[in-house]
């Protein structure tokens, strides 16, 4: 399994998670790609221990080289410090 992490600031609407609903503020995005091509996106409050699954944030990637571009795209959508 490979993983990538990035810090970001969620916009006013926050990020919807499966476990706790909407999270807002200073967050960290982690994306994981399993050996069988399953992609999963998680988020946590910056510095916290618990990770939460982003609602709708899992899929299969056809090529493992797509992990980094998909991570970057997701980060660009979630990082909205100005709203």
N, C-alpha and C. Protein backbone atom coordinates (compact mmCIF):
# COMPACT_ATOMS: atom_id res chain seq x y z
N UNK A 1 0.85 -1.17 0.00
CA UNK A 1 0.00 0.00 0.00
C UNK A 1 0.90 1.24 0.00
N UNK A 2 0.50 2.21 -0.78
CA UNK A 2 1.19 3.49 -0.78
C UNK A 2 0.21 4.56 -0.28
N UNK A 3 0.77 5.61 0.31
CA UNK A 3 -0.09 6.69 0.78
C UNK A 3 0.59 8.03 0.56
N UNK A 4 -0.23 9.06 0.40
CA UNK A 4 0.22 10.44 0.25
C UNK A 4 -0.56 11.28 1.24
N UNK A 5 0.07 12.31 1.81
CA UNK A 5 -0.60 13.20 2.76
C UNK A 5 -0.30 14.65 2.44
N UNK A 6 -1.29 15.51 2.69
CA UNK A 6 -1.14 16.95 2.48
C UNK A 6 -2.02 17.69 3.48
N UNK A 7 -1.49 18.80 3.99
CA UNK A 7 -2.27 19.68 4.86
C UNK A 7 -3.08 20.63 4.00
N UNK A 8 -4.27 21.01 4.48
CA UNK A 8 -5.09 21.97 3.76
C UNK A 8 -6.09 22.62 4.71
N UNK A 9 -6.75 23.66 4.22
CA UNK A 9 -7.79 24.33 4.99
C UNK A 9 -9.11 24.17 4.24
N UNK A 10 -10.08 23.55 4.90
CA UNK A 10 -11.39 23.32 4.27
C UNK A 10 -12.15 24.63 4.18
N UNK A 11 -12.94 24.74 3.14
CA UNK A 11 -13.79 25.91 2.95
C UNK A 11 -14.98 25.89 3.89
N UNK A 12 -15.86 26.89 3.76
CA UNK A 12 -17.01 27.03 4.67
C UNK A 12 -17.90 25.79 4.74
N UNK A 13 -18.03 25.05 3.65
CA UNK A 13 -18.88 23.85 3.67
C UNK A 13 -18.21 22.65 4.27
N UNK A 14 -16.90 22.72 4.51
CA UNK A 14 -16.17 21.61 5.10
C UNK A 14 -16.07 20.40 4.19
N UNK A 15 -15.74 19.28 4.78
CA UNK A 15 -15.57 18.00 4.07
C UNK A 15 -16.50 16.99 4.73
N UNK A 16 -17.35 16.34 3.96
CA UNK A 16 -18.28 15.33 4.48
C UNK A 16 -17.54 14.01 4.68
N UNK A 17 -17.70 13.45 5.87
CA UNK A 17 -17.10 12.15 6.18
C UNK A 17 -18.18 11.14 6.53
N UNK A 18 -17.85 9.87 6.36
CA UNK A 18 -18.80 8.80 6.67
C UNK A 18 -19.05 8.68 8.17
N UNK A 19 -18.01 8.91 8.97
CA UNK A 19 -18.11 8.62 10.40
C UNK A 19 -18.69 9.76 11.24
N UNK A 20 -18.31 10.99 10.95
CA UNK A 20 -18.68 12.10 11.85
C UNK A 20 -19.37 13.25 11.13
N UNK A 21 -19.74 13.09 9.88
CA UNK A 21 -20.36 14.18 9.13
C UNK A 21 -19.33 15.18 8.66
N UNK A 22 -19.66 16.46 8.71
CA UNK A 22 -18.80 17.50 8.16
C UNK A 22 -17.68 17.86 9.13
N UNK A 23 -16.46 17.96 8.59
CA UNK A 23 -15.31 18.47 9.35
C UNK A 23 -14.83 19.73 8.65
N UNK A 24 -14.36 20.70 9.42
CA UNK A 24 -13.94 21.98 8.87
C UNK A 24 -12.61 22.39 9.49
N UNK A 25 -12.03 23.45 8.94
CA UNK A 25 -10.82 24.03 9.52
C UNK A 25 -9.55 23.47 8.95
N UNK A 26 -8.50 23.42 9.79
CA UNK A 26 -7.19 22.93 9.38
C UNK A 26 -7.20 21.41 9.41
N UNK A 27 -7.07 20.81 8.23
CA UNK A 27 -7.20 19.36 8.07
C UNK A 27 -5.99 18.78 7.36
N UNK A 28 -5.94 17.46 7.36
CA UNK A 28 -4.93 16.73 6.60
C UNK A 28 -5.63 15.70 5.74
N UNK A 29 -5.26 15.67 4.48
CA UNK A 29 -5.77 14.69 3.53
C UNK A 29 -4.76 13.56 3.40
N UNK A 30 -5.23 12.33 3.48
CA UNK A 30 -4.38 11.17 3.19
C UNK A 30 -5.10 10.32 2.15
N UNK A 31 -4.39 10.00 1.09
CA UNK A 31 -4.94 9.07 0.11
C UNK A 31 -4.10 7.81 0.13
N UNK A 32 -4.78 6.70 -0.03
CA UNK A 32 -4.11 5.39 0.00
C UNK A 32 -4.44 4.64 -1.28
N UNK A 33 -3.47 3.92 -1.76
CA UNK A 33 -3.68 3.05 -2.91
C UNK A 33 -3.19 1.66 -2.54
N UNK A 34 -4.12 0.71 -2.51
CA UNK A 34 -3.76 -0.66 -2.15
C UNK A 34 -3.12 -1.35 -3.35
N UNK A 35 -2.52 -2.49 -3.09
CA UNK A 35 -1.84 -3.24 -4.15
C UNK A 35 -2.79 -3.70 -5.24
N UNK A 36 -4.09 -3.81 -4.93
CA UNK A 36 -5.06 -4.24 -5.94
C UNK A 36 -5.74 -3.06 -6.66
N UNK A 37 -5.22 -1.83 -6.44
CA UNK A 37 -5.72 -0.67 -7.18
C UNK A 37 -6.85 0.09 -6.53
N UNK A 38 -7.22 -0.25 -5.29
CA UNK A 38 -8.28 0.48 -4.59
C UNK A 38 -7.73 1.77 -4.01
N UNK A 39 -8.39 2.87 -4.37
CA UNK A 39 -8.02 4.20 -3.90
C UNK A 39 -8.98 4.59 -2.79
N UNK A 40 -8.44 5.19 -1.73
CA UNK A 40 -9.28 5.61 -0.60
C UNK A 40 -8.77 6.96 -0.10
N UNK A 41 -9.69 7.89 0.14
CA UNK A 41 -9.36 9.22 0.64
C UNK A 41 -9.86 9.37 2.07
N UNK A 42 -8.97 9.87 2.94
CA UNK A 42 -9.29 10.05 4.35
C UNK A 42 -8.91 11.46 4.76
N UNK A 43 -9.49 11.91 5.86
CA UNK A 43 -9.20 13.24 6.36
C UNK A 43 -9.16 13.18 7.89
N UNK A 44 -8.36 14.06 8.47
CA UNK A 44 -8.34 14.20 9.93
C UNK A 44 -8.04 15.66 10.26
N UNK A 45 -8.38 16.03 11.48
CA UNK A 45 -7.99 17.35 11.96
C UNK A 45 -6.47 17.34 12.08
N UNK A 46 -5.83 18.43 11.68
CA UNK A 46 -4.37 18.52 11.70
C UNK A 46 -3.85 18.15 13.09
N UNK A 47 -2.97 17.16 13.15
CA UNK A 47 -2.37 16.72 14.39
C UNK A 47 -3.17 15.71 15.19
N UNK A 48 -4.39 15.40 14.76
CA UNK A 48 -5.23 14.43 15.48
C UNK A 48 -4.81 13.00 15.15
N UNK A 49 -5.32 12.06 15.91
CA UNK A 49 -5.01 10.65 15.69
C UNK A 49 -6.00 9.95 14.77
N UNK A 50 -7.28 10.35 14.85
CA UNK A 50 -8.33 9.62 14.13
C UNK A 50 -8.51 10.12 12.70
N UNK A 51 -8.57 9.16 11.77
CA UNK A 51 -8.82 9.45 10.36
C UNK A 51 -10.27 9.11 10.05
N UNK A 52 -10.88 9.86 9.13
CA UNK A 52 -12.26 9.63 8.72
C UNK A 52 -12.30 9.47 7.20
N UNK A 53 -13.12 8.55 6.74
CA UNK A 53 -13.28 8.33 5.31
C UNK A 53 -14.09 9.47 4.70
N UNK A 54 -13.58 10.05 3.62
CA UNK A 54 -14.32 11.08 2.91
C UNK A 54 -15.47 10.41 2.18
N UNK A 55 -16.67 10.91 2.37
CA UNK A 55 -17.84 10.34 1.72
C UNK A 55 -17.65 10.37 0.20
N UNK A 56 -17.80 9.21 -0.43
CA UNK A 56 -17.61 9.10 -1.88
C UNK A 56 -16.15 9.10 -2.30
N UNK A 57 -15.25 8.95 -1.34
CA UNK A 57 -13.82 9.09 -1.62
C UNK A 57 -13.09 7.79 -1.85
N UNK A 58 -13.74 6.81 -2.44
CA UNK A 58 -13.04 5.58 -2.78
C UNK A 58 -13.44 5.13 -4.18
N UNK A 59 -12.49 4.51 -4.85
CA UNK A 59 -12.73 4.01 -6.21
C UNK A 59 -11.57 3.09 -6.57
N UNK A 60 -11.64 2.53 -7.75
CA UNK A 60 -10.54 1.72 -8.28
C UNK A 60 -9.79 2.56 -9.31
N UNK A 61 -8.47 2.55 -9.23
CA UNK A 61 -7.65 3.23 -10.24
C UNK A 61 -7.11 2.18 -11.21
N UNK A 62 -7.19 2.49 -12.49
CA UNK A 62 -6.73 1.55 -13.51
C UNK A 62 -5.21 1.46 -13.55
N UNK A 63 -4.53 2.53 -13.14
CA UNK A 63 -3.07 2.58 -13.21
C UNK A 63 -2.55 3.19 -11.92
N UNK A 64 -1.62 2.53 -11.23
CA UNK A 64 -1.10 3.08 -9.99
C UNK A 64 -0.42 4.43 -10.16
N UNK A 65 0.02 4.75 -11.35
CA UNK A 65 0.63 6.06 -11.60
C UNK A 65 -0.38 7.20 -11.47
N UNK A 66 -1.67 6.88 -11.44
CA UNK A 66 -2.71 7.89 -11.28
C UNK A 66 -2.89 8.35 -9.83
N UNK A 67 -2.29 7.65 -8.89
CA UNK A 67 -2.47 7.99 -7.48
C UNK A 67 -2.08 9.45 -7.19
N UNK A 68 -0.89 9.84 -7.57
CA UNK A 68 -0.45 11.20 -7.27
C UNK A 68 -1.30 12.27 -7.96
N UNK A 69 -1.63 12.13 -9.26
CA UNK A 69 -2.50 13.14 -9.88
C UNK A 69 -3.90 13.21 -9.25
N UNK A 70 -4.46 12.08 -8.85
CA UNK A 70 -5.78 12.09 -8.23
C UNK A 70 -5.69 12.73 -6.84
N UNK A 71 -4.64 12.45 -6.11
CA UNK A 71 -4.42 13.09 -4.81
C UNK A 71 -4.35 14.61 -4.99
N UNK A 72 -3.56 15.06 -5.95
CA UNK A 72 -3.40 16.49 -6.21
C UNK A 72 -4.72 17.15 -6.61
N UNK A 73 -5.49 16.47 -7.45
CA UNK A 73 -6.79 17.00 -7.87
C UNK A 73 -7.74 17.12 -6.68
N UNK A 74 -7.80 16.10 -5.85
CA UNK A 74 -8.66 16.13 -4.68
C UNK A 74 -8.23 17.23 -3.72
N UNK A 75 -6.93 17.37 -3.52
CA UNK A 75 -6.43 18.43 -2.65
C UNK A 75 -6.83 19.80 -3.19
N UNK A 76 -6.74 19.99 -4.50
CA UNK A 76 -7.15 21.25 -5.11
C UNK A 76 -8.62 21.55 -4.91
N UNK A 77 -9.45 20.52 -4.90
CA UNK A 77 -10.89 20.72 -4.68
C UNK A 77 -11.21 21.02 -3.21
N UNK A 78 -10.48 20.42 -2.31
CA UNK A 78 -10.79 20.55 -0.88
C UNK A 78 -10.15 21.78 -0.25
N UNK A 79 -8.99 22.19 -0.73
CA UNK A 79 -8.25 23.30 -0.13
C UNK A 79 -8.85 24.63 -0.59
N UNK A 80 -9.69 25.21 0.27
CA UNK A 80 -10.37 26.46 -0.06
C UNK A 80 -10.28 27.43 1.12
N UNK A 81 -9.07 27.86 1.47
CA UNK A 81 -8.92 28.72 2.65
C UNK A 81 -9.67 30.05 2.54
N UNK A 82 -9.96 30.49 1.33
CA UNK A 82 -10.68 31.74 1.15
C UNK A 82 -12.18 31.53 0.96
N UNK A 83 -12.62 30.29 1.00
CA UNK A 83 -14.04 30.00 0.86
C UNK A 83 -14.41 29.55 -0.52
